[in-house]
Amino acid sequence: MTDVLFVHGSWHGGWTWDGIAPPLRDQGHRVLTPCLLGLGRDAAHLHAGIGLVEHVDQLEALVHEEDLQDFLLVGHSYGGALAHALEGRIAHRLHAVVHLEGAIPAPGEGIITMWPEARRSATLQQVEATGEGWRVDPPDPRTWGGMSDEQADWLAPKLTPQSIKTYRDVMPADLEAAPCVHYYLYAHDRVPQPYQAVIERFSAEPNWQLAATFGGHELMFTNPEAVMRVIEIALDGGALPARL
């Protein structure tokens, strides 16, 4: 059986994987769903000094603490940036990496550089106006697409603020991706697709396999079947079809 480490995205928590982790555990896999510092159940401890680097350090410490070997690393959204930064530190321990709509900046860049100017400006205005100069409030989940009103109403109160430092911290300039297979699942029904540049960048990489599906950004909730399928393929070392 294979260990699986899940990394949630912005404003989320370890609860993100409550619908995905149980069937994997039933199959005998050891599944870890940590809550990132200052988020989810740790929201009371959020402060301006928590950034991408601190989150990667947290995950690296967990990998060593749990002695994860030949394990599957799964990241969603912001968690994709963390997974990509982490893999350069623990490459020899990885079985494969799965990205679910992963926000992966280029080396030496931060997530904030990936945003369109309108989003960057609006976010920074909110941070100054209501976030004490450092706190980014979660958006309405409906902006991510693919969600019913019922799903969005369920999700919204679970989201918690995040530090702007998480988006300003840059990816390691000397990052070397692990030689294992990488699987990237994205939503073709997000128009425009905000990660199009990421998709194009890794489509040309020989050890990356990409697939399109539907359900908007929150695929764990809107299309868990596709998420489970890509995880099962990654565990088996199989080939990812173009559509799921």
C-alpha atoms as a PDB file:
ATOM      1  CA  MET A   1       0.000   0.000   0.000  1.00  0.00           C
ATOM      2  CA  THR A   2       1.094   3.575  -0.656  1.00  0.00           C
ATOM      3  CA  ASP A   3       1.192   6.588   1.640  1.00  0.00           C
ATOM      4  CA  VAL A   4      -0.707   9.605   0.317  1.00  0.00           C
ATOM      5  CA  LEU A   5      -0.107  13.187   1.456  1.00  0.00           C
ATOM      6  CA  PHE A   6      -2.830  15.685   0.545  1.00  0.00           C
ATOM      7  CA  VAL A   7      -2.146  19.436   0.509  1.00  0.00           C
ATOM      8  CA  HIS A   8      -5.194  21.695   0.523  1.00  0.00           C
ATOM      9  CA  GLY A   9      -5.499  25.062  -1.183  1.00  0.00           C
ATOM     10  CA  SER A  10      -6.034  28.661  -0.165  1.00  0.00           C
ATOM     11  CA  TRP A  11      -8.595  29.405   2.558  1.00  0.00           C
ATOM     12  CA  HIS A  12      -9.293  25.680   2.987  1.00  0.00           C
ATOM     13  CA  GLY A  13      -8.238  23.137   5.617  1.00  0.00           C
ATOM     14  CA  GLY A  14      -7.618  19.442   6.071  1.00  0.00           C
ATOM     15  CA  TRP A  15     -11.390  18.944   5.843  1.00  0.00           C
ATOM     16  CA  THR A  16     -11.039  19.501   2.082  1.00  0.00           C
ATOM     17  CA  TRP A  17     -10.310  15.801   1.676  1.00  0.00           C
ATOM     18  CA  ASP A  18     -13.087  14.382   3.876  1.00  0.00           C
ATOM     19  CA  GLY A  19     -14.819  12.888   0.838  1.00  0.00           C
ATOM     20  CA  ILE A  20     -11.636  11.623  -0.835  1.00  0.00           C
ATOM     21  CA  ALA A  21      -9.533  10.153   1.974  1.00  0.00           C
ATOM     22  CA  PRO A  22     -11.919   7.492   3.438  1.00  0.00           C
ATOM     23  CA  PRO A  23     -12.106   5.230   0.362  1.00  0.00           C
ATOM     24  CA  LEU A  24      -8.324   5.332   0.041  1.00  0.00           C
ATOM     25  CA  ARG A  25      -7.975   4.344   3.683  1.00  0.00           C
ATOM     26  CA  ASP A  26     -10.485   1.543   3.102  1.00  0.00           C
ATOM     27  CA  GLN A  27      -8.140   0.260   0.388  1.00  0.00           C
ATOM     28  CA  GLY A  28      -5.323   0.115   2.943  1.00  0.00           C
ATOM     29  CA  HIS A  29      -3.426   3.293   2.049  1.00  0.00           C
ATOM     30  CA  ARG A  30      -2.113   5.541   4.816  1.00  0.00           C
ATOM     31  CA  VAL A  31      -3.567   8.981   4.128  1.00  0.00           C
ATOM     32  CA  LEU A  32      -2.381  12.249   5.652  1.00  0.00           C
ATOM     33  CA  THR A  33      -4.540  15.390   5.375  1.00  0.00           C
ATOM     34  CA  PRO A  34      -2.712  18.075   7.370  1.00  0.00           C
ATOM     35  CA  CYS A  35      -4.085  21.541   7.976  1.00  0.00           C
ATOM     36  CA  LEU A  36      -1.678  24.246   6.856  1.00  0.00           C
ATOM     37  CA  LEU A  37      -0.451  26.724   9.464  1.00  0.00           C
ATOM     38  CA  GLY A  38      -2.975  29.490  10.090  1.00  0.00           C
ATOM     39  CA  LEU A  39      -5.740  27.870   8.056  1.00  0.00           C
ATOM     40  CA  GLY A  40      -8.739  25.671   8.783  1.00  0.00           C
ATOM     41  CA  ARG A  41      -8.741  24.501  12.383  1.00  0.00           C
ATOM     42  CA  ASP A  42      -5.524  26.501  12.934  1.00  0.00           C
ATOM     43  CA  ALA A  43      -7.142  29.769  11.790  1.00  0.00           C
ATOM     44  CA  ALA A  44      -6.836  31.321  15.264  1.00  0.00           C
ATOM     45  CA  HIS A  45      -3.043  31.248  14.836  1.00  0.00           C
ATOM     46  CA  LEU A  46      -2.914  33.027  11.482  1.00  0.00           C
ATOM     47  CA  HIS A  47      -0.453  35.919  11.360  1.00  0.00           C
ATOM     48  CA  ALA A  48       1.304  38.054   8.757  1.00  0.00           C
ATOM     49  CA  GLY A  49       4.512  36.018   8.890  1.00  0.00           C
ATOM     50  CA  ILE A  50       2.983  32.807   7.545  1.00  0.00           C
ATOM     51  CA  GLY A  51       3.836  32.442   3.889  1.00  0.00           C
ATOM     52  CA  LEU A  52       4.516  29.863   1.221  1.00  0.00           C
ATOM     53  CA  VAL A  53       7.986  29.168   2.608  1.00  0.00           C
ATOM     54  CA  GLU A  54       6.627  28.450   6.096  1.00  0.00           C
ATOM     55  CA  HIS A  55       4.025  26.087   4.643  1.00  0.00           C
ATOM     56  CA  VAL A  56       6.628  24.201   2.605  1.00  0.00           C
ATOM     57  CA  ASP A  57       8.799  23.921   5.727  1.00  0.00           C
ATOM     58  CA  GLN A  58       5.790  22.517   7.612  1.00  0.00           C
ATOM     59  CA  LEU A  59       5.163  19.895   4.948  1.00  0.00           C
ATOM     60  CA  GLU A  60       8.815  18.908   4.706  1.00  0.00           C
ATOM     61  CA  ALA A  61       8.935  18.415   8.473  1.00  0.00           C
ATOM     62  CA  LEU A  62       5.836  16.219   8.262  1.00  0.00           C
ATOM     63  CA  VAL A  63       7.374  14.091   5.505  1.00  0.00           C
ATOM     64  CA  HIS A  64      10.403  13.401   7.691  1.00  0.00           C
ATOM     65  CA  GLU A  65       8.386  12.991  10.894  1.00  0.00           C
ATOM     66  CA  GLU A  66       6.162  10.365   9.255  1.00  0.00           C
ATOM     67  CA  ASP A  67       9.111   8.926   7.279  1.00  0.00           C
ATOM     68  CA  LEU A  68       7.144   8.985   4.047  1.00  0.00           C
ATOM     69  CA  GLN A  69       8.814   6.904   1.359  1.00  0.00           C
ATOM     70  CA  ASP A  70       7.664   6.237  -2.212  1.00  0.00           C
ATOM     71  CA  PHE A  71       4.545   8.256  -1.436  1.00  0.00           C
ATOM     72  CA  LEU A  72       1.942  10.041  -3.535  1.00  0.00           C
ATOM     73  CA  LEU A  73       1.812  13.829  -3.139  1.00  0.00           C
ATOM     74  CA  VAL A  74      -1.488  15.521  -4.043  1.00  0.00           C
ATOM     75  CA  GLY A  75      -1.985  19.300  -4.122  1.00  0.00           C
ATOM     76  CA  HIS A  76      -4.990  21.463  -4.924  1.00  0.00           C
ATOM     77  CA  SER A  77      -4.721  25.069  -6.162  1.00  0.00           C
ATOM     78  CA  TYR A  78      -2.310  26.923  -3.812  1.00  0.00           C
ATOM     79  CA  GLY A  79      -1.402  23.469  -2.531  1.00  0.00           C
ATOM     80  CA  GLY A  80      -0.017  22.790  -5.998  1.00  0.00           C
ATOM     81  CA  ALA A  81       2.583  25.510  -5.526  1.00  0.00           C
ATOM     82  CA  LEU A  82       3.492  24.005  -2.158  1.00  0.00           C
ATOM     83  CA  ALA A  83       3.747  20.508  -3.619  1.00  0.00           C
ATOM     84  CA  HIS A  84       5.938  21.736  -6.465  1.00  0.00           C
ATOM     85  CA  ALA A  85       8.265  23.623  -4.114  1.00  0.00           C
ATOM     86  CA  LEU A  86       8.364  20.668  -1.717  1.00  0.00           C
ATOM     87  CA  GLU A  87       9.248  18.040  -4.300  1.00  0.00           C
ATOM     88  CA  GLY A  88      12.643  19.572  -4.953  1.00  0.00           C
ATOM     89  CA  ARG A  89      13.523  18.937  -1.305  1.00  0.00           C
ATOM     90  CA  ILE A  90      12.303  15.333  -1.062  1.00  0.00           C
ATOM     91  CA  ALA A  91      12.472  14.110  -4.673  1.00  0.00           C
ATOM     92  CA  HIS A  92      13.899  10.703  -3.790  1.00  0.00           C
ATOM     93  CA  ARG A  93      10.894   9.951  -1.560  1.00  0.00           C
ATOM     94  CA  LEU A  94       8.184  10.468  -4.190  1.00  0.00           C
ATOM     95  CA  HIS A  95       6.141   7.866  -6.037  1.00  0.00           C
ATOM     96  CA  ALA A  96       4.224  10.445  -8.095  1.00  0.00           C
ATOM     97  CA  VAL A  97       2.692  13.918  -7.841  1.00  0.00           C
ATOM     98  CA  VAL A  98      -0.927  14.837  -8.585  1.00  0.00           C
ATOM     99  CA  HIS A  99      -2.049  18.426  -9.169  1.00  0.00           C
ATOM    100  CA  LEU A 100      -5.717  19.357  -9.033  1.00  0.00           C
ATOM    101  CA  GLU A 101      -6.005  22.754 -10.715  1.00  0.00           C
ATOM    102  CA  GLY A 102      -2.526  23.464  -9.342  1.00  0.00           C
ATOM    103  CA  ALA A 103      -1.364  27.083  -9.145  1.00  0.00           C
ATOM    104  CA  ILE A 104       2.326  26.655  -9.992  1.00  0.00           C
ATOM    105  CA  PRO A 105       4.362  29.838 -10.511  1.00  0.00           C
ATOM    106  CA  ALA A 106       7.528  29.758 -12.556  1.00  0.00           C
ATOM    107  CA  PRO A 107      10.817  29.525 -10.618  1.00  0.00           C
ATOM    108  CA  GLY A 108      11.602  32.827  -8.903  1.00  0.00           C
ATOM    109  CA  GLU A 109       8.001  34.038  -9.116  1.00  0.00           C
ATOM    110  CA  GLY A 110       5.115  34.138  -6.660  1.00  0.00           C
ATOM    111  CA  ILE A 111       1.476  33.234  -7.108  1.00  0.00           C
ATOM    112  CA  ILE A 112       0.528  36.905  -7.113  1.00  0.00           C
ATOM    113  CA  THR A 113       2.407  37.310 -10.410  1.00  0.00           C
ATOM    114  CA  MET A 114       0.064  34.766 -12.011  1.00  0.00           C
ATOM    115  CA  TRP A 115      -3.034  36.859 -11.321  1.00  0.00           C
ATOM    116  CA  PRO A 116      -4.554  39.190 -13.899  1.00  0.00           C
ATOM    117  CA  GLU A 117      -4.052  42.845 -13.026  1.00  0.00           C
ATOM    118  CA  ALA A 118      -7.724  43.286 -12.096  1.00  0.00           C
ATOM    119  CA  ARG A 119      -7.583  40.489  -9.534  1.00  0.00           C
ATOM    120  CA  ARG A 120      -4.232  41.603  -8.158  1.00  0.00           C
ATOM    121  CA  SER A 121      -5.458  45.177  -7.725  1.00  0.00           C
ATOM    122  CA  ALA A 122      -8.767  44.136  -6.134  1.00  0.00           C
ATOM    123  CA  THR A 123      -7.018  41.758  -3.727  1.00  0.00           C
ATOM    124  CA  LEU A 124      -4.467  44.331  -2.612  1.00  0.00           C
ATOM    125  CA  GLN A 125      -7.236  46.886  -2.118  1.00  0.00           C
ATOM    126  CA  GLN A 126      -9.151  44.441   0.084  1.00  0.00           C
ATOM    127  CA  VAL A 127      -6.010  43.660   2.087  1.00  0.00           C
ATOM    128  CA  GLU A 128      -5.502  47.341   2.822  1.00  0.00           C
ATOM    129  CA  ALA A 129      -9.161  48.163   3.433  1.00  0.00           C
ATOM    130  CA  THR A 130     -10.273  45.226   5.595  1.00  0.00           C
ATOM    131  CA  GLY A 131      -7.261  42.956   6.038  1.00  0.00           C
ATOM    132  CA  GLU A 132      -5.012  45.130   8.226  1.00  0.00           C
ATOM    133  CA  GLY A 133      -2.482  45.268   5.406  1.00  0.00           C
ATOM    134  CA  TRP A 134      -1.763  41.522   5.327  1.00  0.00           C
ATOM    135  CA  ARG A 135      -4.907  39.377   5.504  1.00  0.00           C
ATOM    136  CA  VAL A 136      -6.643  38.087   2.341  1.00  0.00           C
ATOM    137  CA  ASP A 137     -10.301  37.256   2.891  1.00  0.00           C
ATOM    138  CA  PRO A 138     -11.801  34.288   1.027  1.00  0.00           C
ATOM    139  CA  PRO A 139     -13.905  35.062  -2.040  1.00  0.00           C
ATOM    140  CA  ASP A 140     -17.415  33.856  -2.799  1.00  0.00           C
ATOM    141  CA  PRO A 141     -16.951  30.207  -3.897  1.00  0.00           C
ATOM    142  CA  ARG A 142     -19.279  30.853  -6.816  1.00  0.00           C
ATOM    143  CA  THR A 143     -16.443  32.719  -8.514  1.00  0.00           C
ATOM    144  CA  TRP A 144     -14.613  29.407  -8.916  1.00  0.00           C
ATOM    145  CA  GLY A 145     -17.299  27.962 -11.174  1.00  0.00           C
ATOM    146  CA  GLY A 146     -18.903  24.544 -11.335  1.00  0.00           C
ATOM    147  CA  MET A 147     -20.649  24.788  -7.964  1.00  0.00           C
ATOM    148  CA  SER A 148     -24.348  24.706  -7.235  1.00  0.00           C
ATOM    149  CA  ASP A 149     -25.756  27.334  -4.885  1.00  0.00           C
ATOM    150  CA  GLU A 150     -26.172  24.597  -2.288  1.00  0.00           C
ATOM    151  CA  GLN A 151     -22.511  23.575  -2.556  1.00  0.00           C
ATOM    152  CA  ALA A 152     -21.329  27.188  -2.424  1.00  0.00           C
ATOM    153  CA  ASP A 153     -23.485  27.931   0.625  1.00  0.00           C
ATOM    154  CA  TRP A 154     -22.024  24.860   2.356  1.00  0.00           C
ATOM    155  CA  LEU A 155     -18.447  25.772   1.481  1.00  0.00           C
ATOM    156  CA  ALA A 156     -18.404  29.528   2.156  1.00  0.00           C
ATOM    157  CA  PRO A 157     -18.557  29.442   5.988  1.00  0.00           C
ATOM    158  CA  LYS A 158     -15.761  26.853   6.126  1.00  0.00           C
ATOM    159  CA  LEU A 159     -13.234  29.121   4.377  1.00  0.00           C
ATOM    160  CA  THR A 160     -10.822  31.198   6.480  1.00  0.00           C
ATOM    161  CA  PRO A 161      -8.509  34.158   5.680  1.00  0.00           C
ATOM    162  CA  GLN A 162      -4.929  33.762   4.521  1.00  0.00           C
ATOM    163  CA  SER A 163      -1.798  35.908   4.646  1.00  0.00           C
ATOM    164  CA  ILE A 164      -0.811  37.864   1.545  1.00  0.00           C
ATOM    165  CA  LYS A 165       2.711  36.551   2.164  1.00  0.00           C
ATOM    166  CA  THR A 166       1.590  33.155   0.875  1.00  0.00           C
ATOM    167  CA  TYR A 167       1.103  34.755  -2.536  1.00  0.00           C
ATOM    168  CA  ARG A 168       4.132  37.031  -2.485  1.00  0.00           C
ATOM    169  CA  ASP A 169       6.717  34.404  -1.505  1.00  0.00           C
ATOM    170  CA  VAL A 170       8.498  33.168  -4.620  1.00  0.00           C
ATOM    171  CA  MET A 171       9.229  29.676  -5.823  1.00  0.00           C
ATOM    172  CA  PRO A 172      12.842  28.504  -5.521  1.00  0.00           C
ATOM    173  CA  ALA A 173      14.816  29.829  -8.486  1.00  0.00           C
ATOM    174  CA  ASP A 174      16.866  26.622  -8.565  1.00  0.00           C
ATOM    175  CA  LEU A 175      13.915  24.251  -8.151  1.00  0.00           C
ATOM    176  CA  GLU A 176      14.487  20.855  -9.708  1.00  0.00           C
ATOM    177  CA  ALA A 177      11.334  18.810 -10.232  1.00  0.00           C
ATOM    178  CA  ALA A 178      11.409  15.203  -9.097  1.00  0.00           C
ATOM    179  CA  PRO A 179      11.944  12.628 -11.866  1.00  0.00           C
ATOM    180  CA  CYS A 180       8.680  10.856 -10.991  1.00  0.00           C
ATOM    181  CA  VAL A 181       5.513  11.113 -13.098  1.00  0.00           C
ATOM    182  CA  HIS A 182       3.351  14.201 -12.557  1.00  0.00           C
ATOM    183  CA  TYR A 183      -0.392  14.212 -13.212  1.00  0.00           C
ATOM    184  CA  TYR A 184      -2.282  17.480 -13.723  1.00  0.00           C
ATOM    185  CA  LEU A 185      -6.093  17.616 -13.732  1.00  0.00           C
ATOM    186  CA  TYR A 186      -7.783  20.848 -14.750  1.00  0.00           C
ATOM    187  CA  ALA A 187     -11.331  22.017 -15.438  1.00  0.00           C
ATOM    188  CA  HIS A 188     -12.071  22.760 -19.089  1.00  0.00           C
ATOM    189  CA  ASP A 189     -15.305  24.505 -18.076  1.00  0.00           C
ATOM    190  CA  ARG A 190     -13.433  27.409 -16.434  1.00  0.00           C
ATOM    191  CA  VAL A 191     -13.493  30.090 -19.119  1.00  0.00           C
ATOM    192  CA  PRO A 192     -11.066  31.714 -19.145  1.00  0.00           C
ATOM    193  CA  GLN A 193      -8.939  28.994 -17.560  1.00  0.00           C
ATOM    194  CA  PRO A 194      -6.710  30.900 -15.072  1.00  0.00           C
ATOM    195  CA  TYR A 195      -4.008  28.234 -15.189  1.00  0.00           C
ATOM    196  CA  GLN A 196      -3.705  28.109 -18.974  1.00  0.00           C
ATOM    197  CA  ALA A 197      -0.056  29.208 -18.827  1.00  0.00           C
ATOM    198  CA  VAL A 198       0.678  26.411 -16.335  1.00  0.00           C
ATOM    199  CA  ILE A 199      -1.081  23.882 -18.554  1.00  0.00           C
ATOM    200  CA  GLU A 200       0.891  24.980 -21.601  1.00  0.00           C
ATOM    201  CA  ARG A 201       4.188  25.038 -19.707  1.00  0.00           C
ATOM    202  CA  PHE A 202       3.925  21.471 -18.470  1.00  0.00           C
ATOM    203  CA  SER A 203       2.242  19.997 -21.558  1.00  0.00           C
ATOM    204  CA  ALA A 204       5.679  19.974 -23.154  1.00  0.00           C
ATOM    205  CA  GLU A 205       7.358  18.172 -20.250  1.00  0.00           C
ATOM    206  CA  PRO A 206       7.940  14.430 -20.874  1.00  0.00           C
ATOM    207  CA  ASN A 207       7.132  13.269 -17.341  1.00  0.00           C
ATOM    208  CA  TRP A 208       3.918  15.290 -17.049  1.00  0.00           C
ATOM    209  CA  GLN A 209       0.494  13.940 -18.019  1.00  0.00           C
ATOM    210  CA  LEU A 210      -2.454  16.346 -18.234  1.00  0.00           C
ATOM    211  CA  ALA A 211      -6.180  15.741 -18.419  1.00  0.00           C
ATOM    212  CA  ALA A 212      -9.261  17.935 -18.664  1.00  0.00           C
ATOM    213  CA  THR A 213     -12.472  17.398 -16.756  1.00  0.00           C
ATOM    214  CA  PHE A 214     -15.501  19.422 -15.661  1.00  0.00           C
ATOM    215  CA  GLY A 215     -16.573  20.894 -12.338  1.00  0.00           C
ATOM    216  CA  GLY A 216     -14.770  24.204 -11.966  1.00  0.00           C
ATOM    217  CA  HIS A 217     -12.003  24.781  -9.464  1.00  0.00           C
ATOM    218  CA  GLU A 218     -13.339  22.800  -6.480  1.00  0.00           C
ATOM    219  CA  LEU A 219     -13.094  19.386  -8.108  1.00  0.00           C
ATOM    220  CA  MET A 220     -12.952  17.534  -4.779  1.00  0.00           C
ATOM    221  CA  PHE A 221     -16.570  18.566  -4.197  1.00  0.00           C
ATOM    222  CA  THR A 222     -17.980  18.970  -7.698  1.00  0.00           C
ATOM    223  CA  ASN A 223     -16.350  15.986  -9.428  1.00  0.00           C
ATOM    224  CA  PRO A 224     -14.859  13.623  -6.825  1.00  0.00           C
ATOM    225  CA  GLU A 225     -15.087  10.728  -9.286  1.00  0.00           C
ATOM    226  CA  ALA A 226     -12.519  12.368 -11.585  1.00  0.00           C
ATOM    227  CA  VAL A 227     -10.291  13.183  -8.608  1.00  0.00           C
ATOM    228  CA  MET A 228     -10.409   9.591  -7.388  1.00  0.00           C
ATOM    229  CA  ARG A 229      -9.688   8.324 -10.895  1.00  0.00           C
ATOM    230  CA  VAL A 230      -6.530  10.398 -11.356  1.00  0.00           C
ATOM    231  CA  ILE A 231      -5.330   9.352  -7.888  1.00  0.00           C
ATOM    232  CA  GLU A 232      -5.921   5.683  -8.701  1.00  0.00           C
ATOM    233  CA  ILE A 233      -4.043   6.073 -11.997  1.00  0.00           C
ATOM    234  CA  ALA A 234      -1.149   7.757 -10.204  1.00  0.00           C
ATOM    235  CA  LEU A 235      -1.009   5.034  -7.570  1.00  0.00           C
ATOM    236  CA  ASP A 236      -0.865   2.398 -10.285  1.00  0.00           C
ATOM    237  CA  GLY A 237       1.615   4.337 -12.406  1.00  0.00           C
ATOM    238  CA  GLY A 238      -0.779   4.322 -15.342  1.00  0.00           C
ATOM    239  CA  ALA A 239      -1.405   6.688 -18.228  1.00  0.00           C
ATOM    240  CA  LEU A 240      -3.808   9.580 -17.864  1.00  0.00           C
ATOM    241  CA  PRO A 241      -6.436   9.915 -20.614  1.00  0.00           C
ATOM    242  CA  ALA A 242      -6.935  13.323 -22.198  1.00  0.00           C
ATOM    243  CA  ARG A 243     -10.406  13.618 -20.615  1.00  0.00           C
ATOM    244  CA  LEU A 244     -11.812  12.358 -17.341  1.00  0.00           C
END
